[in-house]
Amino acid sequence: MTQIITEAMFTSFGGVTGSVSAAMLHLAFDVAEMQVEEFLGSPLNPVTITGTFSLYPYQEVQTLPWMGVISVDRLSYTTSSGSAIMRTDIAWPQMYLVNQEAGVLNVRGLWAGCSLWPQMVEIVYTAGFPTGTLAVNPKVQAALVQASRLVLNELQNPGAYEVAVGIQHFSSMRYSETRFKLKDTSFGSSAAAQYIAKLLEKLRYRRVGRV
């Protein structure tokens, strides 16, 4: 089920449904929202996520799949001794979150001073943009409509939009030009994909320099 874009929003911003089935249309909406989330690095609305990861020797930090972390709701790890497997629940899991924007945990405290090495860590955390904030953002609305158009076009005409190039140099005398492949994004590498990425760029979470 889509979180933001609807058929009414799509058509009111110029989207054309034509003879497209409702199932294909909503599939395009779902994929477009997933692409936007992938590009932004965080869910469009707060979502509770459960995951597991293992620790390598003397690991200091762990980056979570999603950025924009709101809270760490549960953190536990398992150790083993012989055939016995023991689970330890962390009393204050939020204290291990050292960078909310970049989604970084300080995991040193999970193994420092332990006689048994934590084999598997389980985490439950909530990540995403504040509820409703992106739904009323004009740039996000425009990006979702454009992304839905691209997905719908690709579903109807597979492979028709694979190659996209830009012109770096152009000369009008004795025609000449230098072409280059456009930057690849979560939405593809077409000019329309570049426009969508530009609309969303300032909302994007980044890990670089934030650990």
N, C-alpha and C. Protein backbone atom coordinates (compact mmCIF):
# COMPACT_ATOMS: atom_id res chain seq x y z
N MET A 1 0.85 -1.19 0.00
CA MET A 1 0.00 0.00 0.00
C MET A 1 0.88 1.25 0.00
N THR A 2 0.56 2.18 -0.87
CA THR A 2 1.35 3.41 -0.95
C THR A 2 1.15 4.27 0.29
N GLN A 3 2.18 5.07 0.59
CA GLN A 3 2.15 5.91 1.77
C GLN A 3 1.74 7.35 1.47
N ILE A 4 2.12 7.84 0.30
CA ILE A 4 1.88 9.25 -0.03
C ILE A 4 1.10 9.41 -1.33
N ILE A 5 1.64 8.89 -2.43
CA ILE A 5 1.04 9.15 -3.73
C ILE A 5 -0.24 8.35 -3.93
N THR A 6 -1.23 9.00 -4.51
CA THR A 6 -2.51 8.37 -4.81
C THR A 6 -2.85 8.64 -6.28
N GLU A 7 -3.86 7.96 -6.76
CA GLU A 7 -4.28 8.19 -8.15
C GLU A 7 -4.74 9.63 -8.34
N ALA A 8 -5.42 10.17 -7.33
CA ALA A 8 -5.89 11.56 -7.42
C ALA A 8 -4.72 12.53 -7.52
N MET A 9 -3.67 12.31 -6.72
CA MET A 9 -2.49 13.17 -6.78
C MET A 9 -1.81 13.02 -8.12
N PHE A 10 -1.68 11.79 -8.59
CA PHE A 10 -0.99 11.51 -9.86
C PHE A 10 -1.67 12.23 -11.02
N THR A 11 -2.98 12.13 -11.12
CA THR A 11 -3.69 12.75 -12.23
C THR A 11 -3.77 14.27 -12.08
N SER A 12 -3.87 14.77 -10.85
CA SER A 12 -3.96 16.21 -10.65
C SER A 12 -2.67 16.93 -11.01
N PHE A 13 -1.54 16.19 -10.99
CA PHE A 13 -0.25 16.77 -11.36
C PHE A 13 0.15 16.38 -12.79
N GLY A 14 -0.83 15.99 -13.59
CA GLY A 14 -0.55 15.74 -15.00
C GLY A 14 -0.30 14.30 -15.38
N GLY A 15 -0.35 13.38 -14.44
CA GLY A 15 -0.15 11.98 -14.76
C GLY A 15 -1.32 11.43 -15.56
N VAL A 16 -1.02 10.61 -16.54
CA VAL A 16 -2.06 10.05 -17.41
C VAL A 16 -2.17 8.54 -17.15
N THR A 17 -3.37 8.10 -16.82
CA THR A 17 -3.58 6.68 -16.54
C THR A 17 -4.02 5.92 -17.78
N GLY A 18 -4.79 6.57 -18.65
CA GLY A 18 -5.23 5.93 -19.88
C GLY A 18 -5.92 4.61 -19.62
N SER A 19 -5.46 3.56 -20.32
CA SER A 19 -6.07 2.24 -20.18
C SER A 19 -5.31 1.35 -19.19
N VAL A 20 -4.40 1.97 -18.42
CA VAL A 20 -3.61 1.20 -17.46
C VAL A 20 -4.52 0.63 -16.37
N SER A 21 -4.30 -0.62 -16.02
CA SER A 21 -5.11 -1.26 -14.98
C SER A 21 -4.77 -0.66 -13.62
N ALA A 22 -5.72 -0.76 -12.70
CA ALA A 22 -5.51 -0.24 -11.36
C ALA A 22 -4.34 -0.95 -10.68
N ALA A 23 -4.20 -2.25 -10.94
CA ALA A 23 -3.11 -3.02 -10.33
C ALA A 23 -1.75 -2.51 -10.80
N MET A 24 -1.61 -2.26 -12.11
CA MET A 24 -0.34 -1.77 -12.64
C MET A 24 -0.04 -0.36 -12.14
N LEU A 25 -1.08 0.46 -12.06
CA LEU A 25 -0.91 1.83 -11.59
C LEU A 25 -0.39 1.86 -10.15
N HIS A 26 -1.01 1.05 -9.30
CA HIS A 26 -0.59 1.03 -7.90
C HIS A 26 0.76 0.35 -7.72
N LEU A 27 1.09 -0.58 -8.60
CA LEU A 27 2.43 -1.16 -8.60
C LEU A 27 3.46 -0.08 -8.90
N ALA A 28 3.16 0.77 -9.88
CA ALA A 28 4.06 1.87 -10.22
C ALA A 28 4.22 2.82 -9.04
N PHE A 29 3.13 3.09 -8.33
CA PHE A 29 3.20 3.97 -7.15
C PHE A 29 4.09 3.35 -6.07
N ASP A 30 3.90 2.06 -5.83
CA ASP A 30 4.69 1.37 -4.79
C ASP A 30 6.18 1.40 -5.14
N VAL A 31 6.50 1.08 -6.39
CA VAL A 31 7.90 1.07 -6.81
C VAL A 31 8.50 2.48 -6.72
N ALA A 32 7.75 3.49 -7.14
CA ALA A 32 8.22 4.87 -7.09
C ALA A 32 8.54 5.28 -5.65
N GLU A 33 7.68 4.91 -4.72
CA GLU A 33 7.94 5.26 -3.32
C GLU A 33 9.15 4.52 -2.78
N MET A 34 9.33 3.27 -3.19
CA MET A 34 10.51 2.51 -2.77
C MET A 34 11.79 3.15 -3.33
N GLN A 35 11.73 3.63 -4.56
CA GLN A 35 12.88 4.29 -5.17
C GLN A 35 13.22 5.58 -4.44
N VAL A 36 12.20 6.33 -4.06
CA VAL A 36 12.42 7.58 -3.32
C VAL A 36 13.03 7.29 -1.96
N GLU A 37 12.53 6.26 -1.29
CA GLU A 37 13.10 5.87 0.01
C GLU A 37 14.56 5.46 -0.14
N GLU A 38 14.85 4.69 -1.18
CA GLU A 38 16.23 4.26 -1.44
C GLU A 38 17.14 5.47 -1.66
N PHE A 39 16.66 6.44 -2.43
CA PHE A 39 17.45 7.63 -2.72
C PHE A 39 17.66 8.48 -1.46
N LEU A 40 16.61 8.66 -0.67
CA LEU A 40 16.69 9.48 0.54
C LEU A 40 17.45 8.79 1.66
N GLY A 41 17.43 7.45 1.67
CA GLY A 41 18.12 6.70 2.69
C GLY A 41 17.31 6.45 3.95
N SER A 42 16.01 6.78 3.89
CA SER A 42 15.16 6.62 5.06
C SER A 42 13.71 6.44 4.61
N PRO A 43 12.90 5.71 5.38
CA PRO A 43 11.49 5.53 5.02
C PRO A 43 10.74 6.86 4.96
N LEU A 44 9.69 6.91 4.15
CA LEU A 44 8.92 8.15 3.97
C LEU A 44 8.17 8.53 5.23
N ASN A 45 7.80 7.54 6.02
CA ASN A 45 7.15 7.74 7.32
C ASN A 45 7.82 6.81 8.33
N PRO A 46 7.69 7.10 9.63
CA PRO A 46 8.33 6.22 10.62
C PRO A 46 7.89 4.77 10.49
N VAL A 47 8.88 3.87 10.48
CA VAL A 47 8.63 2.44 10.36
C VAL A 47 9.48 1.70 11.39
N THR A 48 8.92 0.69 12.02
CA THR A 48 9.68 -0.13 12.97
C THR A 48 10.29 -1.30 12.22
N ILE A 49 11.59 -1.45 12.36
CA ILE A 49 12.36 -2.43 11.60
C ILE A 49 13.06 -3.40 12.54
N THR A 50 13.04 -4.66 12.22
CA THR A 50 13.75 -5.68 12.98
C THR A 50 14.87 -6.25 12.11
N GLY A 51 16.06 -6.37 12.68
CA GLY A 51 17.17 -6.90 11.93
C GLY A 51 18.19 -7.59 12.82
N THR A 52 19.09 -8.31 12.20
CA THR A 52 20.17 -8.97 12.94
C THR A 52 21.49 -8.71 12.23
N PHE A 53 22.56 -8.73 12.98
CA PHE A 53 23.89 -8.63 12.40
C PHE A 53 24.90 -9.29 13.33
N SER A 54 26.00 -9.73 12.76
CA SER A 54 27.06 -10.34 13.55
C SER A 54 28.20 -9.35 13.72
N LEU A 55 29.00 -9.52 14.76
CA LEU A 55 30.11 -8.63 15.04
C LEU A 55 31.43 -9.29 14.66
N TYR A 56 32.33 -8.50 14.07
CA TYR A 56 33.68 -9.01 13.83
C TYR A 56 34.57 -8.57 15.00
N PRO A 57 35.70 -9.22 15.20
CA PRO A 57 36.55 -8.92 16.38
C PRO A 57 36.89 -7.43 16.52
N TYR A 58 36.63 -6.91 17.70
CA TYR A 58 36.95 -5.54 18.08
C TYR A 58 36.23 -4.49 17.24
N GLN A 59 35.06 -4.85 16.76
CA GLN A 59 34.26 -3.89 15.99
C GLN A 59 33.80 -2.75 16.89
N GLU A 60 33.91 -1.51 16.38
CA GLU A 60 33.56 -0.33 17.16
C GLU A 60 32.14 0.16 16.86
N VAL A 61 31.79 0.23 15.57
CA VAL A 61 30.49 0.77 15.20
C VAL A 61 29.79 -0.15 14.20
N GLN A 62 28.48 0.03 14.09
CA GLN A 62 27.67 -0.71 13.14
C GLN A 62 26.72 0.27 12.46
N THR A 63 26.72 0.29 11.13
CA THR A 63 25.79 1.15 10.42
C THR A 63 24.53 0.36 10.09
N LEU A 64 23.39 0.96 10.33
CA LEU A 64 22.11 0.31 10.07
C LEU A 64 21.70 0.53 8.62
N PRO A 65 20.86 -0.35 8.07
CA PRO A 65 20.44 -0.20 6.67
C PRO A 65 19.74 1.13 6.38
N TRP A 66 18.94 1.61 7.34
CA TRP A 66 18.22 2.87 7.15
C TRP A 66 18.82 3.96 8.02
N MET A 67 18.88 5.16 7.47
CA MET A 67 19.31 6.34 8.23
C MET A 67 18.07 7.06 8.76
N GLY A 68 18.28 8.20 9.40
CA GLY A 68 17.16 8.91 9.99
C GLY A 68 16.51 8.10 11.10
N VAL A 69 17.35 7.56 11.99
CA VAL A 69 16.85 6.70 13.06
C VAL A 69 16.20 7.54 14.16
N ILE A 70 15.00 7.20 14.52
CA ILE A 70 14.27 7.92 15.56
C ILE A 70 14.56 7.33 16.93
N SER A 71 14.57 6.02 17.02
CA SER A 71 14.81 5.37 18.31
C SER A 71 15.30 3.94 18.12
N VAL A 72 16.05 3.46 19.10
CA VAL A 72 16.41 2.04 19.17
C VAL A 72 15.51 1.45 20.24
N ASP A 73 14.59 0.62 19.84
CA ASP A 73 13.55 0.12 20.75
C ASP A 73 13.95 -1.13 21.51
N ARG A 74 14.78 -1.96 20.87
CA ARG A 74 15.25 -3.17 21.56
C ARG A 74 16.58 -3.60 20.98
N LEU A 75 17.47 -4.04 21.86
CA LEU A 75 18.80 -4.49 21.44
C LEU A 75 19.18 -5.68 22.31
N SER A 76 19.56 -6.76 21.67
CA SER A 76 19.95 -7.95 22.43
C SER A 76 21.01 -8.71 21.64
N TYR A 77 21.72 -9.59 22.34
CA TYR A 77 22.71 -10.40 21.66
C TYR A 77 22.76 -11.79 22.28
N THR A 78 23.26 -12.75 21.49
CA THR A 78 23.36 -14.12 21.98
C THR A 78 24.82 -14.52 22.11
N THR A 79 25.10 -15.33 23.10
CA THR A 79 26.42 -15.93 23.30
C THR A 79 26.21 -17.42 23.51
N SER A 80 27.27 -18.17 23.37
CA SER A 80 27.14 -19.62 23.57
C SER A 80 28.32 -20.15 24.37
N SER A 81 28.04 -21.16 25.16
CA SER A 81 29.06 -21.86 25.92
C SER A 81 28.73 -23.34 25.84
N GLY A 82 29.54 -24.07 25.09
CA GLY A 82 29.21 -25.47 24.85
C GLY A 82 27.95 -25.57 24.02
N SER A 83 26.98 -26.28 24.50
CA SER A 83 25.71 -26.41 23.78
C SER A 83 24.67 -25.38 24.25
N ALA A 84 25.04 -24.59 25.26
CA ALA A 84 24.10 -23.61 25.82
C ALA A 84 24.18 -22.30 25.04
N ILE A 85 23.02 -21.78 24.67
CA ILE A 85 22.93 -20.48 23.99
C ILE A 85 22.19 -19.52 24.92
N MET A 86 22.81 -18.39 25.19
CA MET A 86 22.25 -17.42 26.12
C MET A 86 21.95 -16.10 25.42
N ARG A 87 20.83 -15.51 25.79
CA ARG A 87 20.43 -14.23 25.21
C ARG A 87 20.48 -13.16 26.28
N THR A 88 21.07 -12.03 25.93
CA THR A 88 21.16 -10.89 26.85
C THR A 88 20.44 -9.70 26.25
N ASP A 89 19.48 -9.15 27.00
CA ASP A 89 18.75 -7.96 26.57
C ASP A 89 19.41 -6.72 27.17
N ILE A 90 19.64 -5.71 26.32
CA ILE A 90 20.24 -4.46 26.77
C ILE A 90 19.17 -3.60 27.44
N ALA A 91 19.45 -3.12 28.64
CA ALA A 91 18.46 -2.36 29.40
C ALA A 91 18.16 -1.00 28.78
N TRP A 92 19.19 -0.31 28.28
CA TRP A 92 19.00 1.02 27.70
C TRP A 92 19.55 1.04 26.27
N PRO A 93 18.83 0.47 25.31
CA PRO A 93 19.34 0.36 23.95
C PRO A 93 19.60 1.69 23.25
N GLN A 94 18.84 2.72 23.63
CA GLN A 94 18.98 4.02 22.96
C GLN A 94 20.39 4.61 23.15
N MET A 95 21.05 4.27 24.24
CA MET A 95 22.35 4.84 24.52
C MET A 95 23.42 4.37 23.52
N TYR A 96 23.14 3.31 22.79
CA TYR A 96 24.10 2.80 21.81
C TYR A 96 24.00 3.53 20.46
N LEU A 97 22.96 4.33 20.29
CA LEU A 97 22.78 5.10 19.06
C LEU A 97 23.61 6.38 19.15
N VAL A 98 24.68 6.45 18.37
CA VAL A 98 25.59 7.60 18.45
C VAL A 98 25.39 8.60 17.33
N ASN A 99 24.66 8.23 16.29
CA ASN A 99 24.38 9.16 15.20
C ASN A 99 23.04 8.81 14.58
N GLN A 100 22.03 9.61 14.91
CA GLN A 100 20.68 9.33 14.43
C GLN A 100 20.56 9.52 12.92
N GLU A 101 21.12 10.61 12.42
CA GLU A 101 21.00 10.90 10.99
C GLU A 101 21.64 9.81 10.13
N ALA A 102 22.85 9.41 10.49
CA ALA A 102 23.58 8.42 9.69
C ALA A 102 23.24 6.98 10.06
N GLY A 103 22.49 6.77 11.14
CA GLY A 103 22.11 5.41 11.55
C GLY A 103 23.29 4.60 12.02
N VAL A 104 24.03 5.12 13.00
CA VAL A 104 25.25 4.47 13.47
C VAL A 104 25.12 4.08 14.95
N LEU A 105 25.47 2.83 15.24
CA LEU A 105 25.48 2.32 16.62
C LEU A 105 26.92 2.18 17.10
N ASN A 106 27.12 2.45 18.37
CA ASN A 106 28.40 2.14 19.02
C ASN A 106 28.25 0.74 19.63
N VAL A 107 28.88 -0.24 18.99
CA VAL A 107 28.70 -1.63 19.45
C VAL A 107 29.85 -2.11 20.33
N ARG A 108 30.80 -1.25 20.59
CA ARG A 108 31.93 -1.66 21.43
C ARG A 108 31.45 -2.10 22.81
N GLY A 109 30.43 -1.40 23.31
CA GLY A 109 29.92 -1.73 24.63
C GLY A 109 29.26 -3.09 24.71
N LEU A 110 28.94 -3.68 23.56
CA LEU A 110 28.32 -5.00 23.57
C LEU A 110 29.32 -6.10 23.87
N TRP A 111 30.59 -5.87 23.50
CA TRP A 111 31.59 -6.93 23.71
C TRP A 111 32.67 -6.55 24.72
N ALA A 112 32.88 -5.25 24.97
CA ALA A 112 33.93 -4.84 25.91
C ALA A 112 33.64 -5.40 27.31
N GLY A 113 34.57 -6.12 27.84
CA GLY A 113 34.43 -6.68 29.18
C GLY A 113 33.66 -7.98 29.23
N CYS A 114 33.19 -8.48 28.08
CA CYS A 114 32.45 -9.75 28.06
C CYS A 114 33.41 -10.93 28.00
N SER A 115 33.11 -11.94 28.74
CA SER A 115 33.95 -13.15 28.69
C SER A 115 33.59 -14.02 27.50
N LEU A 116 32.37 -13.87 27.00
CA LEU A 116 31.91 -14.62 25.83
C LEU A 116 31.59 -13.64 24.70
N TRP A 117 32.09 -13.93 23.50
CA TRP A 117 31.89 -13.03 22.37
C TRP A 117 30.44 -13.08 21.88
N PRO A 118 29.79 -11.90 21.72
CA PRO A 118 28.43 -11.87 21.17
C PRO A 118 28.42 -12.43 19.75
N GLN A 119 27.64 -13.45 19.51
CA GLN A 119 27.62 -14.10 18.20
C GLN A 119 26.66 -13.43 17.23
N MET A 120 25.50 -13.07 17.72
CA MET A 120 24.49 -12.46 16.86
C MET A 120 23.78 -11.36 17.65
N VAL A 121 23.61 -10.22 17.00
CA VAL A 121 22.93 -9.08 17.63
C VAL A 121 21.59 -8.88 16.94
N GLU A 122 20.56 -8.72 17.72
CA GLU A 122 19.23 -8.44 17.17
C GLU A 122 18.82 -7.04 17.59
N ILE A 123 18.29 -6.29 16.64
CA ILE A 123 17.89 -4.91 16.93
C ILE A 123 16.49 -4.65 16.40
N VAL A 124 15.74 -3.88 17.15
CA VAL A 124 14.45 -3.35 16.71
C VAL A 124 14.57 -1.84 16.82
N TYR A 125 14.40 -1.17 15.69
CA TYR A 125 14.54 0.29 15.72
C TYR A 125 13.49 0.94 14.83
N THR A 126 13.26 2.23 15.07
CA THR A 126 12.30 3.01 14.29
C THR A 126 13.06 4.07 13.50
N ALA A 127 12.78 4.14 12.21
CA ALA A 127 13.44 5.11 11.34
C ALA A 127 12.44 5.70 10.37
N GLY A 128 12.75 6.89 9.88
CA GLY A 128 11.87 7.51 8.89
C GLY A 128 11.70 8.99 9.12
N PHE A 129 11.16 9.65 8.12
CA PHE A 129 10.85 11.07 8.26
C PHE A 129 9.62 11.23 9.15
N PRO A 130 9.52 12.35 9.87
CA PRO A 130 8.35 12.56 10.74
C PRO A 130 7.04 12.39 9.96
N THR A 131 6.07 11.78 10.58
CA THR A 131 4.80 11.46 9.93
C THR A 131 4.17 12.68 9.26
N GLY A 132 3.88 12.53 7.97
CA GLY A 132 3.17 13.57 7.24
C GLY A 132 4.00 14.69 6.66
N THR A 133 5.27 14.81 7.05
CA THR A 133 6.06 15.95 6.58
C THR A 133 6.35 15.88 5.09
N LEU A 134 6.64 14.70 4.57
CA LEU A 134 6.94 14.58 3.14
C LEU A 134 5.68 14.64 2.29
N ALA A 135 4.56 14.23 2.85
CA ALA A 135 3.31 14.19 2.10
C ALA A 135 2.87 15.58 1.66
N VAL A 136 3.26 16.62 2.39
CA VAL A 136 2.85 17.99 2.06
C VAL A 136 3.99 18.79 1.43
N ASN A 137 5.10 18.11 1.15
CA ASN A 137 6.24 18.79 0.53
C ASN A 137 6.06 18.78 -0.99
N PRO A 138 5.95 19.96 -1.63
CA PRO A 138 5.71 20.02 -3.08
C PRO A 138 6.79 19.31 -3.90
N LYS A 139 8.04 19.41 -3.47
CA LYS A 139 9.12 18.76 -4.21
C LYS A 139 9.00 17.24 -4.15
N VAL A 140 8.60 16.73 -3.01
CA VAL A 140 8.41 15.28 -2.86
C VAL A 140 7.23 14.82 -3.71
N GLN A 141 6.15 15.60 -3.69
CA GLN A 141 4.99 15.26 -4.51
C GLN A 141 5.36 15.21 -5.99
N ALA A 142 6.10 16.24 -6.44
CA ALA A 142 6.52 16.28 -7.85
C ALA A 142 7.44 15.11 -8.18
N ALA A 143 8.35 14.79 -7.27
CA ALA A 143 9.28 13.68 -7.48
C ALA A 143 8.54 12.35 -7.58
N LEU A 144 7.55 12.14 -6.73
CA LEU A 144 6.79 10.89 -6.75
C LEU A 144 5.97 10.75 -8.02
N VAL A 145 5.39 11.84 -8.48
CA VAL A 145 4.62 11.80 -9.72
C VAL A 145 5.53 11.46 -10.90
N GLN A 146 6.69 12.13 -10.97
CA GLN A 146 7.62 11.88 -12.06
C GLN A 146 8.18 10.45 -12.00
N ALA A 147 8.51 10.00 -10.79
CA ALA A 147 9.03 8.64 -10.64
C ALA A 147 7.98 7.60 -11.04
N SER A 148 6.73 7.86 -10.69
CA SER A 148 5.65 6.94 -11.05
C SER A 148 5.48 6.89 -12.56
N ARG A 149 5.63 8.03 -13.21
CA ARG A 149 5.55 8.07 -14.68
C ARG A 149 6.64 7.20 -15.31
N LEU A 150 7.85 7.35 -14.80
CA LEU A 150 8.97 6.57 -15.35
C LEU A 150 8.74 5.06 -15.16
N VAL A 151 8.29 4.68 -13.96
CA VAL A 151 8.04 3.26 -13.69
C VAL A 151 6.93 2.73 -14.59
N LEU A 152 5.88 3.52 -14.73
CA LEU A 152 4.75 3.12 -15.56
C LEU A 152 5.18 2.97 -17.03
N ASN A 153 5.98 3.90 -17.52
CA ASN A 153 6.49 3.82 -18.89
C ASN A 153 7.34 2.57 -19.09
N GLU A 154 8.17 2.26 -18.08
CA GLU A 154 9.03 1.08 -18.18
C GLU A 154 8.22 -0.20 -18.14
N LEU A 155 7.16 -0.23 -17.34
CA LEU A 155 6.29 -1.41 -17.27
C LEU A 155 5.57 -1.64 -18.60
N GLN A 156 5.20 -0.56 -19.26
CA GLN A 156 4.47 -0.67 -20.52
C GLN A 156 5.40 -0.88 -21.71
N ASN A 157 6.61 -0.29 -21.63
CA ASN A 157 7.57 -0.38 -22.74
C ASN A 157 8.94 -0.77 -22.20
N PRO A 158 9.13 -2.01 -21.79
CA PRO A 158 10.40 -2.45 -21.19
C PRO A 158 11.61 -2.16 -22.08
N GLY A 159 12.62 -1.54 -21.47
CA GLY A 159 13.87 -1.29 -22.19
C GLY A 159 13.87 -0.05 -23.05
N ALA A 160 12.76 0.65 -23.13
CA ALA A 160 12.69 1.82 -24.02
C ALA A 160 13.47 3.01 -23.49
N TYR A 161 13.84 2.97 -22.20
CA TYR A 161 14.50 4.13 -21.60
C TYR A 161 15.85 3.76 -21.00
N GLU A 162 16.53 2.79 -21.60
CA GLU A 162 17.77 2.29 -21.02
C GLU A 162 18.95 3.24 -21.18
N VAL A 163 19.10 3.85 -22.37
CA VAL A 163 20.28 4.66 -22.65
C VAL A 163 19.93 6.14 -22.58
N ALA A 164 20.72 6.87 -21.79
CA ALA A 164 20.53 8.31 -21.69
C ALA A 164 21.89 8.97 -21.66
N VAL A 165 22.05 10.00 -22.49
CA VAL A 165 23.34 10.68 -22.55
C VAL A 165 23.14 12.18 -22.41
N GLY A 166 24.21 12.86 -22.04
CA GLY A 166 24.20 14.31 -21.97
C GLY A 166 25.25 14.85 -22.92
N ILE A 167 25.19 16.14 -23.20
CA ILE A 167 26.16 16.77 -24.09
C ILE A 167 27.05 17.70 -23.27
N GLN A 168 28.33 17.41 -23.26
CA GLN A 168 29.29 18.19 -22.49
C GLN A 168 29.83 19.36 -23.31
N HIS A 169 29.94 19.16 -24.62
CA HIS A 169 30.47 20.21 -25.48
C HIS A 169 29.69 20.22 -26.78
N PHE A 170 29.39 21.40 -27.30
CA PHE A 170 28.65 21.52 -28.55
C PHE A 170 29.22 22.66 -29.37
N SER A 171 29.33 22.46 -30.67
CA SER A 171 29.80 23.51 -31.57
C SER A 171 28.84 23.62 -32.73
N SER A 172 28.38 24.83 -33.04
CA SER A 172 27.39 25.01 -34.10
C SER A 172 28.03 25.11 -35.49
N MET A 173 29.32 25.34 -35.56
CA MET A 173 30.01 25.41 -36.84
C MET A 173 30.56 24.03 -37.16
N ARG A 174 30.16 23.51 -38.35
CA ARG A 174 30.57 22.15 -38.71
C ARG A 174 30.27 21.19 -37.56
N TYR A 175 29.08 21.04 -37.24
CA TYR A 175 28.54 20.32 -36.08
C TYR A 175 29.49 19.34 -35.40
N SER A 176 29.65 19.50 -34.10
CA SER A 176 30.40 18.54 -33.29
C SER A 176 29.84 18.56 -31.88
N GLU A 177 29.95 17.46 -31.20
CA GLU A 177 29.49 17.39 -29.81
C GLU A 177 30.25 16.30 -29.07
N THR A 178 30.34 16.46 -27.77
CA THR A 178 30.95 15.45 -26.92
C THR A 178 29.89 14.92 -25.98
N ARG A 179 29.63 13.63 -26.02
CA ARG A 179 28.57 13.04 -25.21
C ARG A 179 29.14 12.30 -24.00
N PHE A 180 28.35 12.20 -22.97
CA PHE A 180 28.72 11.45 -21.78
C PHE A 180 27.47 10.82 -21.18
N LYS A 181 27.65 9.72 -20.49
CA LYS A 181 26.52 9.05 -19.86
C LYS A 181 26.09 9.84 -18.63
N LEU A 182 24.79 10.06 -18.50
CA LEU A 182 24.27 10.79 -17.35
C LEU A 182 24.44 9.96 -16.07
N LYS A 183 24.56 10.65 -14.96
CA LYS A 183 24.75 10.00 -13.67
C LYS A 183 23.61 9.04 -13.36
N ASP A 184 23.97 7.85 -12.89
CA ASP A 184 22.96 6.86 -12.55
C ASP A 184 22.38 7.19 -11.17
N THR A 185 21.06 7.07 -11.02
CA THR A 185 20.38 7.33 -9.76
C THR A 185 19.45 6.17 -9.45
N SER A 186 18.77 6.26 -8.33
CA SER A 186 17.79 5.22 -7.97
C SER A 186 16.65 5.16 -8.98
N PHE A 187 16.51 6.22 -9.78
CA PHE A 187 15.41 6.32 -10.74
C PHE A 187 15.87 6.05 -12.18
N GLY A 188 17.15 5.73 -12.35
CA GLY A 188 17.70 5.53 -13.68
C GLY A 188 18.68 6.64 -14.02
N SER A 189 19.02 6.76 -15.29
CA SER A 189 20.01 7.77 -15.69
C SER A 189 19.46 8.74 -16.73
N SER A 190 18.15 8.73 -16.96
CA SER A 190 17.56 9.64 -17.94
C SER A 190 17.54 11.07 -17.40
N ALA A 191 17.22 12.01 -18.28
CA ALA A 191 17.10 13.41 -17.86
C ALA A 191 16.00 13.57 -16.81
N ALA A 192 14.91 12.82 -16.98
CA ALA A 192 13.81 12.87 -16.00
C ALA A 192 14.28 12.35 -14.64
N ALA A 193 15.10 11.29 -14.66
CA ALA A 193 15.64 10.74 -13.41
C ALA A 193 16.54 11.76 -12.71
N GLN A 194 17.33 12.49 -13.50
CA GLN A 194 18.20 13.52 -12.92
C GLN A 194 17.36 14.63 -12.27
N TYR A 195 16.25 14.95 -12.89
CA TYR A 195 15.36 15.98 -12.35
C TYR A 195 14.76 15.54 -11.01
N ILE A 196 14.34 14.28 -10.94
CA ILE A 196 13.78 13.75 -9.69
C ILE A 196 14.83 13.81 -8.59
N ALA A 197 16.05 13.38 -8.90
CA ALA A 197 17.13 13.40 -7.92
C ALA A 197 17.41 14.83 -7.45
N LYS A 198 17.35 15.78 -8.35
CA LYS A 198 17.59 17.18 -8.00
C LYS A 198 16.51 17.69 -7.05
N LEU A 199 15.27 17.30 -7.29
CA LEU A 199 14.16 17.71 -6.42
C LEU A 199 14.37 17.23 -4.98
N LEU A 200 14.94 16.03 -4.84
CA LEU A 200 15.04 15.39 -3.52
C LEU A 200 16.39 15.59 -2.84
N GLU A 201 17.36 16.13 -3.55
CA GLU A 201 18.75 16.17 -3.07
C GLU A 201 18.89 16.75 -1.66
N LYS A 202 18.24 17.84 -1.36
CA LYS A 202 18.42 18.50 -0.06
C LYS A 202 17.76 17.76 1.09
N LEU A 203 16.90 16.80 0.78
CA LEU A 203 16.26 16.00 1.83
C LEU A 203 17.03 14.73 2.13
N ARG A 204 18.04 14.46 1.33
CA ARG A 204 18.74 13.19 1.38
C ARG A 204 19.64 13.04 2.60
N TYR A 205 19.56 11.87 3.26
CA TYR A 205 20.48 11.55 4.35
C TYR A 205 21.79 11.03 3.77
N ARG A 206 22.90 11.34 4.43
CA ARG A 206 24.21 10.86 3.96
C ARG A 206 24.99 10.31 5.15
N ARG A 207 25.82 9.31 4.88
CA ARG A 207 26.66 8.73 5.92
C ARG A 207 28.03 9.40 5.99
N VAL A 208 28.51 9.94 4.89
CA VAL A 208 29.87 10.50 4.82
C VAL A 208 30.04 11.60 5.84
N GLY A 209 31.10 11.45 6.64
CA GLY A 209 31.44 12.49 7.61
C GLY A 209 30.55 12.58 8.81
N ARG A 210 29.63 11.60 9.00
CA ARG A 210 28.69 11.69 10.10
C ARG A 210 28.82 10.55 11.10
N VAL A 211 29.85 9.74 10.96
CA VAL A 211 30.04 8.61 11.88
C VAL A 211 30.74 9.11 13.13
